[in-house]
């Protein structure tokens, strides 16, 4: 749990949101070192407003506010950094 949070916190400190935190994107080696993988949906928000309304991520693991974005009638801006933290809790 601590390593996963540290990995996501590192990204967030650099204004990068992973946007697809899920068990399949977590690799733990033989020494017990965790690596967060698959950055295909990650986004650098250092040059733009971090509030987005894009439906990004794997539906079983995304935050409720991200799920709402799959429907154009319920779509509203959300913070992807908070959504990442929610996904960490969902994984744990």
PDB file of N, CA and C in Angstrom:
ATOM      1  N   UNK A   1       0.828  -1.190   0.000  1.00  0.00           N
ATOM      2  CA  UNK A   1       0.000   0.000   0.000  1.00  0.00           C
ATOM      3  C   UNK A   1       0.875   1.259   0.000  1.00  0.00           C
ATOM      4  N   UNK A   2       1.878   1.251   0.855  1.00  0.00           N
ATOM      5  CA  UNK A   2       2.747   2.422   0.972  1.00  0.00           C
ATOM      6  C   UNK A   2       3.499   2.693  -0.334  1.00  0.00           C
ATOM      7  N   UNK A   3       3.984   1.649  -0.973  1.00  0.00           N
ATOM      8  CA  UNK A   3       4.726   1.816  -2.227  1.00  0.00           C
ATOM      9  C   UNK A   3       3.823   2.320  -3.354  1.00  0.00           C
ATOM     10  N   UNK A   4       2.601   1.830  -3.392  1.00  0.00           N
ATOM     11  CA  UNK A   4       1.669   2.279  -4.428  1.00  0.00           C
ATOM     12  C   UNK A   4       1.346   3.756  -4.237  1.00  0.00           C
ATOM     13  N   UNK A   5       1.053   4.134  -3.007  1.00  0.00           N
ATOM     14  CA  UNK A   5       0.770   5.544  -2.748  1.00  0.00           C
ATOM     15  C   UNK A   5       1.986   6.402  -3.092  1.00  0.00           C
ATOM     16  N   UNK A   6       3.188   5.943  -2.744  1.00  0.00           N
ATOM     17  CA  UNK A   6       4.414   6.701  -3.036  1.00  0.00           C
ATOM     18  C   UNK A   6       4.607   6.869  -4.544  1.00  0.00           C
ATOM     19  N   UNK A   7       4.299   5.833  -5.313  1.00  0.00           N
ATOM     20  CA  UNK A   7       4.443   5.918  -6.774  1.00  0.00           C
ATOM     21  C   UNK A   7       3.489   6.963  -7.350  1.00  0.00           C
ATOM     22  N   UNK A   8       2.247   6.938  -6.895  1.00  0.00           N
ATOM     23  CA  UNK A   8       1.260   7.902  -7.380  1.00  0.00           C
ATOM     24  C   UNK A   8       1.606   9.308  -6.888  1.00  0.00           C
ATOM     25  N   UNK A   9       2.044   9.423  -5.648  1.00  0.00           N
ATOM     26  CA  UNK A   9       2.432  10.732  -5.106  1.00  0.00           C
ATOM     27  C   UNK A   9       3.594  11.328  -5.894  1.00  0.00           C
ATOM     28  N   UNK A  10       4.551  10.496  -6.300  1.00  0.00           N
ATOM     29  CA  UNK A  10       5.677  10.971  -7.103  1.00  0.00           C
ATOM     30  C   UNK A  10       5.181  11.571  -8.417  1.00  0.00           C
ATOM     31  N   UNK A  11       4.271  10.861  -9.075  1.00  0.00           N
ATOM     32  CA  UNK A  11       3.705  11.381 -10.326  1.00  0.00           C
ATOM     33  C   UNK A  11       3.003  12.715 -10.087  1.00  0.00           C
ATOM     34  N   UNK A  12       2.194  12.766  -9.039  1.00  0.00           N
ATOM     35  CA  UNK A  12       1.427  13.973  -8.752  1.00  0.00           C
ATOM     36  C   UNK A  12       2.325  15.157  -8.409  1.00  0.00           C
ATOM     37  N   UNK A  13       3.435  14.896  -7.735  1.00  0.00           N
ATOM     38  CA  UNK A  13       4.384  15.975  -7.433  1.00  0.00           C
ATOM     39  C   UNK A  13       4.927  16.595  -8.714  1.00  0.00           C
ATOM     40  N   UNK A  14       4.943  15.819  -9.774  1.00  0.00           N
ATOM     41  CA  UNK A  14       5.409  16.304 -11.074  1.00  0.00           C
ATOM     42  C   UNK A  14       4.240  16.673 -11.995  1.00  0.00           C
ATOM     43  N   UNK A  15       3.041  16.798 -11.391  1.00  0.00           N
ATOM     44  CA  UNK A  15       1.812  17.193 -12.094  1.00  0.00           C
ATOM     45  C   UNK A  15       1.428  16.239 -13.216  1.00  0.00           C
ATOM     46  N   UNK A  16       1.680  14.959 -12.972  1.00  0.00           N
ATOM     47  CA  UNK A  16       1.292  13.906 -13.905  1.00  0.00           C
ATOM     48  C   UNK A  16       0.231  13.041 -13.236  1.00  0.00           C
ATOM     49  N   UNK A  17      -0.867  12.821 -13.926  1.00  0.00           N
ATOM     50  CA  UNK A  17      -1.911  11.918 -13.448  1.00  0.00           C
ATOM     51  C   UNK A  17      -1.792  10.606 -14.225  1.00  0.00           C
ATOM     52  N   UNK A  18      -1.820   9.482 -13.528  1.00  0.00           N
ATOM     53  CA  UNK A  18      -1.712   8.175 -14.183  1.00  0.00           C
ATOM     54  C   UNK A  18      -2.997   7.849 -14.939  1.00  0.00           C
ATOM     55  N   UNK A  19      -4.121   8.011 -14.294  1.00  0.00           N
ATOM     56  CA  UNK A  19      -5.462   7.860 -14.846  1.00  0.00           C
ATOM     57  C   UNK A  19      -5.882   6.426 -15.176  1.00  0.00           C
ATOM     58  N   UNK A  20      -5.108   5.439 -14.738  1.00  0.00           N
ATOM     59  CA  UNK A  20      -5.541   4.044 -14.909  1.00  0.00           C
ATOM     60  C   UNK A  20      -4.881   3.151 -13.863  1.00  0.00           C
ATOM     61  N   UNK A  21      -4.972   3.570 -12.600  1.00  0.00           N
ATOM     62  CA  UNK A  21      -4.424   2.763 -11.507  1.00  0.00           C
ATOM     63  C   UNK A  21      -5.355   1.570 -11.302  1.00  0.00           C
ATOM     64  N   UNK A  22      -4.800   0.373 -11.455  1.00  0.00           N
ATOM     65  CA  UNK A  22      -5.563  -0.865 -11.294  1.00  0.00           C
ATOM     66  C   UNK A  22      -4.565  -1.992 -11.042  1.00  0.00           C
ATOM     67  N   UNK A  23      -5.016  -3.130 -10.519  1.00  0.00           N
ATOM     68  CA  UNK A  23      -4.083  -4.227 -10.209  1.00  0.00           C
ATOM     69  C   UNK A  23      -3.221  -4.659 -11.390  1.00  0.00           C
ATOM     70  N   UNK A  24      -3.785  -4.665 -12.591  1.00  0.00           N
ATOM     71  CA  UNK A  24      -3.031  -5.097 -13.767  1.00  0.00           C
ATOM     72  C   UNK A  24      -1.864  -4.170 -14.090  1.00  0.00           C
ATOM     73  N   UNK A  25      -1.880  -2.954 -13.558  1.00  0.00           N
ATOM     74  CA  UNK A  25      -0.818  -1.985 -13.817  1.00  0.00           C
ATOM     75  C   UNK A  25       0.154  -1.857 -12.648  1.00  0.00           C
ATOM     76  N   UNK A  26       0.125  -2.844 -11.781  1.00  0.00           N
ATOM     77  CA  UNK A  26       1.029  -2.874 -10.630  1.00  0.00           C
ATOM     78  C   UNK A  26       1.860  -4.145 -10.719  1.00  0.00           C
ATOM     79  N   UNK A  27       3.171  -3.975 -10.743  1.00  0.00           N
ATOM     80  CA  UNK A  27       4.094  -5.108 -10.818  1.00  0.00           C
ATOM     81  C   UNK A  27       4.943  -5.095  -9.552  1.00  0.00           C
ATOM     82  N   UNK A  28       5.060  -6.254  -8.915  1.00  0.00           N
ATOM     83  CA  UNK A  28       5.906  -6.388  -7.727  1.00  0.00           C
ATOM     84  C   UNK A  28       6.958  -7.436  -8.034  1.00  0.00           C
ATOM     85  N   UNK A  29       8.226  -7.035  -7.926  1.00  0.00           N
ATOM     86  CA  UNK A  29       9.312  -7.963  -8.262  1.00  0.00           C
ATOM     87  C   UNK A  29       9.617  -8.900  -7.088  1.00  0.00           C
ATOM     88  N   UNK A  30      10.579  -9.785  -7.275  1.00  0.00           N
ATOM     89  CA  UNK A  30      10.944 -10.778  -6.273  1.00  0.00           C
ATOM     90  C   UNK A  30      11.427 -10.188  -4.964  1.00  0.00           C
ATOM     91  N   UNK A  31      11.940  -8.970  -5.012  1.00  0.00           N
ATOM     92  CA  UNK A  31      12.412  -8.289  -3.801  1.00  0.00           C
ATOM     93  C   UNK A  31      11.294  -7.494  -3.125  1.00  0.00           C
ATOM     94  N   UNK A  32      10.093  -7.555  -3.692  1.00  0.00           N
ATOM     95  CA  UNK A  32       8.963  -6.847  -3.103  1.00  0.00           C
ATOM     96  C   UNK A  32       8.864  -5.385  -3.501  1.00  0.00           C
ATOM     97  N   UNK A  33       9.588  -4.993  -4.543  1.00  0.00           N
ATOM     98  CA  UNK A  33       9.550  -3.609  -5.014  1.00  0.00           C
ATOM     99  C   UNK A  33       8.407  -3.441  -6.013  1.00  0.00           C
ATOM    100  N   UNK A  34       7.550  -2.473  -5.747  1.00  0.00           N
ATOM    101  CA  UNK A  34       6.392  -2.210  -6.588  1.00  0.00           C
ATOM    102  C   UNK A  34       6.747  -1.213  -7.689  1.00  0.00           C
ATOM    103  N   UNK A  35       6.248  -1.490  -8.881  1.00  0.00           N
ATOM    104  CA  UNK A  35       6.380  -0.571 -10.008  1.00  0.00           C
ATOM    105  C   UNK A  35       4.997  -0.369 -10.613  1.00  0.00           C
ATOM    106  N   UNK A  36       4.628   0.884 -10.792  1.00  0.00           N
ATOM    107  CA  UNK A  36       3.382   1.219 -11.462  1.00  0.00           C
ATOM    108  C   UNK A  36       3.690   1.313 -12.953  1.00  0.00           C
ATOM    109  N   UNK A  37       2.971   0.555 -13.773  1.00  0.00           N
ATOM    110  CA  UNK A  37       3.274   0.474 -15.206  1.00  0.00           C
ATOM    111  C   UNK A  37       2.093   0.976 -16.039  1.00  0.00           C
ATOM    112  N   UNK A  38       2.258   0.948 -17.337  1.00  0.00           N
ATOM    113  CA  UNK A  38       1.274   1.343 -18.345  1.00  0.00           C
ATOM    114  C   UNK A  38       0.888   2.814 -18.202  1.00  0.00           C
ATOM    115  N   UNK A  39       1.685   3.634 -18.833  1.00  0.00           N
ATOM    116  CA  UNK A  39       1.456   5.075 -18.798  1.00  0.00           C
ATOM    117  C   UNK A  39       0.754   5.573 -20.064  1.00  0.00           C
ATOM    118  N   UNK A  40       0.049   4.682 -20.743  1.00  0.00           N
ATOM    119  CA  UNK A  40      -0.616   5.067 -21.995  1.00  0.00           C
ATOM    120  C   UNK A  40      -1.725   6.096 -21.775  1.00  0.00           C
ATOM    121  N   UNK A  41      -2.315   6.124 -20.593  1.00  0.00           N
ATOM    122  CA  UNK A  41      -3.365   7.106 -20.308  1.00  0.00           C
ATOM    123  C   UNK A  41      -2.873   8.242 -19.417  1.00  0.00           C
ATOM    124  N   UNK A  42      -1.618   8.181 -18.999  1.00  0.00           N
ATOM    125  CA  UNK A  42      -1.067   9.233 -18.133  1.00  0.00           C
ATOM    126  C   UNK A  42      -1.023  10.557 -18.884  1.00  0.00           C
ATOM    127  N   UNK A  43      -1.127  11.641 -18.114  1.00  0.00           N
ATOM    128  CA  UNK A  43      -1.101  12.960 -18.745  1.00  0.00           C
ATOM    129  C   UNK A  43      -0.373  13.946 -17.850  1.00  0.00           C
ATOM    130  N   UNK A  44       0.458  14.773 -18.480  1.00  0.00           N
ATOM    131  CA  UNK A  44       1.186  15.840 -17.804  1.00  0.00           C
ATOM    132  C   UNK A  44       0.291  17.079 -17.785  1.00  0.00           C
ATOM    133  N   UNK A  45      -0.046  17.530 -16.582  1.00  0.00           N
ATOM    134  CA  UNK A  45      -0.913  18.695 -16.437  1.00  0.00           C
ATOM    135  C   UNK A  45      -0.139  19.948 -16.039  1.00  0.00           C
ATOM    136  N   UNK A  46       1.171  19.939 -16.219  1.00  0.00           N
ATOM    137  CA  UNK A  46       1.976  21.084 -15.793  1.00  0.00           C
ATOM    138  C   UNK A  46       1.694  22.345 -16.607  1.00  0.00           C
ATOM    139  N   UNK A  47       1.163  22.194 -17.801  1.00  0.00           N
ATOM    140  CA  UNK A  47       0.914  23.352 -18.658  1.00  0.00           C
ATOM    141  C   UNK A  47      -0.572  23.620 -18.901  1.00  0.00           C
ATOM    142  N   UNK A  48      -1.442  22.948 -18.158  1.00  0.00           N
ATOM    143  CA  UNK A  48      -2.870  23.167 -18.389  1.00  0.00           C
ATOM    144  C   UNK A  48      -3.677  22.940 -17.127  1.00  0.00           C
ATOM    145  N   UNK A  49      -4.915  23.369 -17.168  1.00  0.00           N
ATOM    146  CA  UNK A  49      -5.831  23.221 -16.052  1.00  0.00           C
ATOM    147  C   UNK A  49      -6.065  21.731 -15.793  1.00  0.00           C
ATOM    148  N   UNK A  50      -5.900  21.297 -14.541  1.00  0.00           N
ATOM    149  CA  UNK A  50      -6.080  19.874 -14.258  1.00  0.00           C
ATOM    150  C   UNK A  50      -7.535  19.421 -14.149  1.00  0.00           C
ATOM    151  N   UNK A  51      -8.491  20.319 -14.300  1.00  0.00           N
ATOM    152  CA  UNK A  51      -9.883  19.885 -14.300  1.00  0.00           C
ATOM    153  C   UNK A  51     -10.244  19.425 -15.707  1.00  0.00           C
ATOM    154  N   UNK A  52     -10.686  18.186 -15.809  1.00  0.00           N
ATOM    155  CA  UNK A  52     -11.012  17.609 -17.114  1.00  0.00           C
ATOM    156  C   UNK A  52     -12.375  16.933 -17.054  1.00  0.00           C
ATOM    157  N   UNK A  53     -12.929  16.642 -18.203  1.00  0.00           N
ATOM    158  CA  UNK A  53     -14.190  15.894 -18.249  1.00  0.00           C
ATOM    159  C   UNK A  53     -14.078  14.696 -19.189  1.00  0.00           C
ATOM    160  N   UNK A  54     -12.868  14.174 -19.311  1.00  0.00           N
ATOM    161  CA  UNK A  54     -12.629  13.022 -20.183  1.00  0.00           C
ATOM    162  C   UNK A  54     -12.828  11.717 -19.413  1.00  0.00           C
ATOM    163  N   UNK A  55     -13.482  10.766 -20.052  1.00  0.00           N
ATOM    164  CA  UNK A  55     -13.673   9.442 -19.466  1.00  0.00           C
ATOM    165  C   UNK A  55     -12.436   8.609 -19.779  1.00  0.00           C
ATOM    166  N   UNK A  56     -11.537   8.501 -18.810  1.00  0.00           N
ATOM    167  CA  UNK A  56     -10.268   7.806 -19.009  1.00  0.00           C
ATOM    168  C   UNK A  56     -10.081   6.795 -17.887  1.00  0.00           C
ATOM    169  N   UNK A  57      -9.632   5.591 -18.248  1.00  0.00           N
ATOM    170  CA  UNK A  57      -9.361   4.567 -17.248  1.00  0.00           C
ATOM    171  C   UNK A  57     -10.205   3.327 -17.472  1.00  0.00           C
ATOM    172  N   UNK A  58      -9.962   2.342 -16.644  1.00  0.00           N
ATOM    173  CA  UNK A  58     -10.680   1.071 -16.711  1.00  0.00           C
ATOM    174  C   UNK A  58     -11.896   1.153 -15.802  1.00  0.00           C
ATOM    175  N   UNK A  59     -13.052   0.911 -16.342  1.00  0.00           N
ATOM    176  CA  UNK A  59     -14.311   1.196 -15.643  1.00  0.00           C
ATOM    177  C   UNK A  59     -14.449   0.527 -14.283  1.00  0.00           C
ATOM    178  N   UNK A  60     -13.923  -0.646 -14.079  1.00  0.00           N
ATOM    179  CA  UNK A  60     -14.052  -1.293 -12.768  1.00  0.00           C
ATOM    180  C   UNK A  60     -13.207  -0.627 -11.690  1.00  0.00           C
ATOM    181  N   UNK A  61     -12.291   0.241 -12.072  1.00  0.00           N
ATOM    182  CA  UNK A  61     -11.338   0.811 -11.113  1.00  0.00           C
ATOM    183  C   UNK A  61     -11.386   2.327 -11.019  1.00  0.00           C
ATOM    184  N   UNK A  62     -12.179   2.988 -11.839  1.00  0.00           N
ATOM    185  CA  UNK A  62     -12.185   4.447 -11.854  1.00  0.00           C
ATOM    186  C   UNK A  62     -13.075   5.036 -10.761  1.00  0.00           C
ATOM    187  N   UNK A  63     -12.806   6.287 -10.440  1.00  0.00           N
ATOM    188  CA  UNK A  63     -13.596   7.022  -9.457  1.00  0.00           C
ATOM    189  C   UNK A  63     -14.997   7.298 -10.006  1.00  0.00           C
ATOM    190  N   UNK A  64     -15.980   7.458  -9.119  1.00  0.00           N
ATOM    191  CA  UNK A  64     -17.352   7.707  -9.576  1.00  0.00           C
ATOM    192  C   UNK A  64     -17.482   8.923 -10.495  1.00  0.00           C
ATOM    193  N   UNK A  65     -16.718   9.986 -10.215  1.00  0.00           N
ATOM    194  CA  UNK A  65     -16.827  11.178 -11.058  1.00  0.00           C
ATOM    195  C   UNK A  65     -16.294  10.937 -12.466  1.00  0.00           C
ATOM    196  N   UNK A  66     -15.366  10.003 -12.605  1.00  0.00           N
ATOM    197  CA  UNK A  66     -14.868   9.643 -13.934  1.00  0.00           C
ATOM    198  C   UNK A  66     -15.922   8.801 -14.657  1.00  0.00           C
ATOM    199  N   UNK A  67     -16.542   7.903 -13.934  1.00  0.00           N
ATOM    200  CA  UNK A  67     -17.609   7.066 -14.505  1.00  0.00           C
ATOM    201  C   UNK A  67     -18.713   7.934 -15.110  1.00  0.00           C
ATOM    202  N   UNK A  68     -19.047   9.036 -14.453  1.00  0.00           N
ATOM    203  CA  UNK A  68     -20.088   9.934 -14.967  1.00  0.00           C
ATOM    204  C   UNK A  68     -19.736  10.510 -16.335  1.00  0.00           C
ATOM    205  N   UNK A  69     -18.458  10.595 -16.630  1.00  0.00           N
ATOM    206  CA  UNK A  69     -18.019  11.188 -17.899  1.00  0.00           C
ATOM    207  C   UNK A  69     -18.252  10.283 -19.101  1.00  0.00           C
ATOM    208  N   UNK A  70     -18.589   9.019 -18.862  1.00  0.00           N
ATOM    209  CA  UNK A  70     -18.899   8.131 -19.980  1.00  0.00           C
ATOM    210  C   UNK A  70     -20.259   8.475 -20.605  1.00  0.00           C
ATOM    211  N   UNK A  71     -21.059   9.244 -19.884  1.00  0.00           N
ATOM    212  CA  UNK A  71     -22.371   9.659 -20.375  1.00  0.00           C
ATOM    213  C   UNK A  71     -22.348  11.171 -20.588  1.00  0.00           C
ATOM    214  N   UNK A  72     -22.618  11.620 -21.798  1.00  0.00           N
ATOM    215  CA  UNK A  72     -22.533  13.056 -22.096  1.00  0.00           C
ATOM    216  C   UNK A  72     -23.508  13.888 -21.272  1.00  0.00           C
ATOM    217  N   UNK A  73     -24.568  13.288 -20.747  1.00  0.00           N
ATOM    218  CA  UNK A  73     -25.561  14.026 -19.966  1.00  0.00           C
ATOM    219  C   UNK A  73     -25.140  14.208 -18.511  1.00  0.00           C
ATOM    220  N   UNK A  74     -24.226  13.392 -18.031  1.00  0.00           N
ATOM    221  CA  UNK A  74     -23.778  13.508 -16.636  1.00  0.00           C
ATOM    222  C   UNK A  74     -22.337  13.989 -16.536  1.00  0.00           C
ATOM    223  N   UNK A  75     -21.717  14.274 -17.655  1.00  0.00           N
ATOM    224  CA  UNK A  75     -20.309  14.682 -17.695  1.00  0.00           C
ATOM    225  C   UNK A  75     -20.121  16.035 -17.021  1.00  0.00           C
ATOM    226  N   UNK A  76     -19.112  16.114 -16.139  1.00  0.00           N
ATOM    227  CA  UNK A  76     -18.726  17.388 -15.550  1.00  0.00           C
ATOM    228  C   UNK A  76     -17.245  17.320 -15.185  1.00  0.00           C
ATOM    229  N   UNK A  77     -16.580  18.450 -15.067  1.00  0.00           N
ATOM    230  CA  UNK A  77     -15.137  18.450 -14.786  1.00  0.00           C
ATOM    231  C   UNK A  77     -14.803  17.795 -13.444  1.00  0.00           C
ATOM    232  N   UNK A  78     -13.678  17.113 -13.417  1.00  0.00           N
ATOM    233  CA  UNK A  78     -13.176  16.499 -12.188  1.00  0.00           C
ATOM    234  C   UNK A  78     -11.657  16.638 -12.155  1.00  0.00           C
ATOM    235  N   UNK A  79     -11.088  16.384 -10.996  1.00  0.00           N
ATOM    236  CA  UNK A  79      -9.638  16.464 -10.818  1.00  0.00           C
ATOM    237  C   UNK A  79      -9.033  15.066 -10.976  1.00  0.00           C
ATOM    238  N   UNK A  80      -8.206  14.833 -11.992  1.00  0.00           N
ATOM    239  CA  UNK A  80      -7.648  13.499 -12.210  1.00  0.00           C
ATOM    240  C   UNK A  80      -6.700  13.048 -11.093  1.00  0.00           C
ATOM    241  N   UNK A  81      -6.118  13.997 -10.364  1.00  0.00           N
ATOM    242  CA  UNK A  81      -5.238  13.627  -9.255  1.00  0.00           C
ATOM    243  C   UNK A  81      -6.057  12.992  -8.130  1.00  0.00           C
ATOM    244  N   UNK A  82      -7.193  13.571  -7.836  1.00  0.00           N
ATOM    245  CA  UNK A  82      -8.091  12.982  -6.828  1.00  0.00           C
ATOM    246  C   UNK A  82      -8.628  11.636  -7.307  1.00  0.00           C
ATOM    247  N   UNK A  83      -8.906  11.543  -8.589  1.00  0.00           N
ATOM    248  CA  UNK A  83      -9.396  10.277  -9.143  1.00  0.00           C
ATOM    249  C   UNK A  83      -8.334   9.185  -9.024  1.00  0.00           C
ATOM    250  N   UNK A  84      -7.061   9.535  -9.217  1.00  0.00           N
ATOM    251  CA  UNK A  84      -5.972   8.565  -9.015  1.00  0.00           C
ATOM    252  C   UNK A  84      -5.955   8.062  -7.578  1.00  0.00           C
ATOM    253  N   UNK A  85      -6.087   8.971  -6.614  1.00  0.00           N
ATOM    254  CA  UNK A  85      -6.065   8.581  -5.198  1.00  0.00           C
ATOM    255  C   UNK A  85      -7.253   7.675  -4.896  1.00  0.00           C
ATOM    256  N   UNK A  86      -8.408   7.984  -5.451  1.00  0.00           N
ATOM    257  CA  UNK A  86      -9.577   7.129  -5.263  1.00  0.00           C
ATOM    258  C   UNK A  86      -9.285   5.731  -5.813  1.00  0.00           C
ATOM    259  N   UNK A  87      -8.657   5.670  -6.977  1.00  0.00           N
ATOM    260  CA  UNK A  87      -8.329   4.382  -7.590  1.00  0.00           C
ATOM    261  C   UNK A  87      -7.344   3.595  -6.733  1.00  0.00           C
ATOM    262  N   UNK A  88      -6.382   4.280  -6.107  1.00  0.00           N
ATOM    263  CA  UNK A  88      -5.452   3.596  -5.188  1.00  0.00           C
ATOM    264  C   UNK A  88      -6.249   2.939  -4.069  1.00  0.00           C
ATOM    265  N   UNK A  89      -7.172   3.675  -3.472  1.00  0.00           N
ATOM    266  CA  UNK A  89      -8.012   3.105  -2.415  1.00  0.00           C
ATOM    267  C   UNK A  89      -8.857   1.958  -2.920  1.00  0.00           C
ATOM    268  N   UNK A  90      -9.349   2.050  -4.126  1.00  0.00           N
ATOM    269  CA  UNK A  90     -10.146   0.984  -4.723  1.00  0.00           C
ATOM    270  C   UNK A  90      -9.305  -0.277  -4.916  1.00  0.00           C
ATOM    271  N   UNK A  91      -8.064  -0.105  -5.330  1.00  0.00           N
ATOM    272  CA  UNK A  91      -7.156  -1.249  -5.511  1.00  0.00           C
ATOM    273  C   UNK A  91      -6.874  -1.921  -4.174  1.00  0.00           C
ATOM    274  N   UNK A  92      -6.658  -1.102  -3.145  1.00  0.00           N
ATOM    275  CA  UNK A  92      -6.318  -1.667  -1.837  1.00  0.00           C
ATOM    276  C   UNK A  92      -7.511  -2.338  -1.210  1.00  0.00           C
TER     277      UNK A  92
END
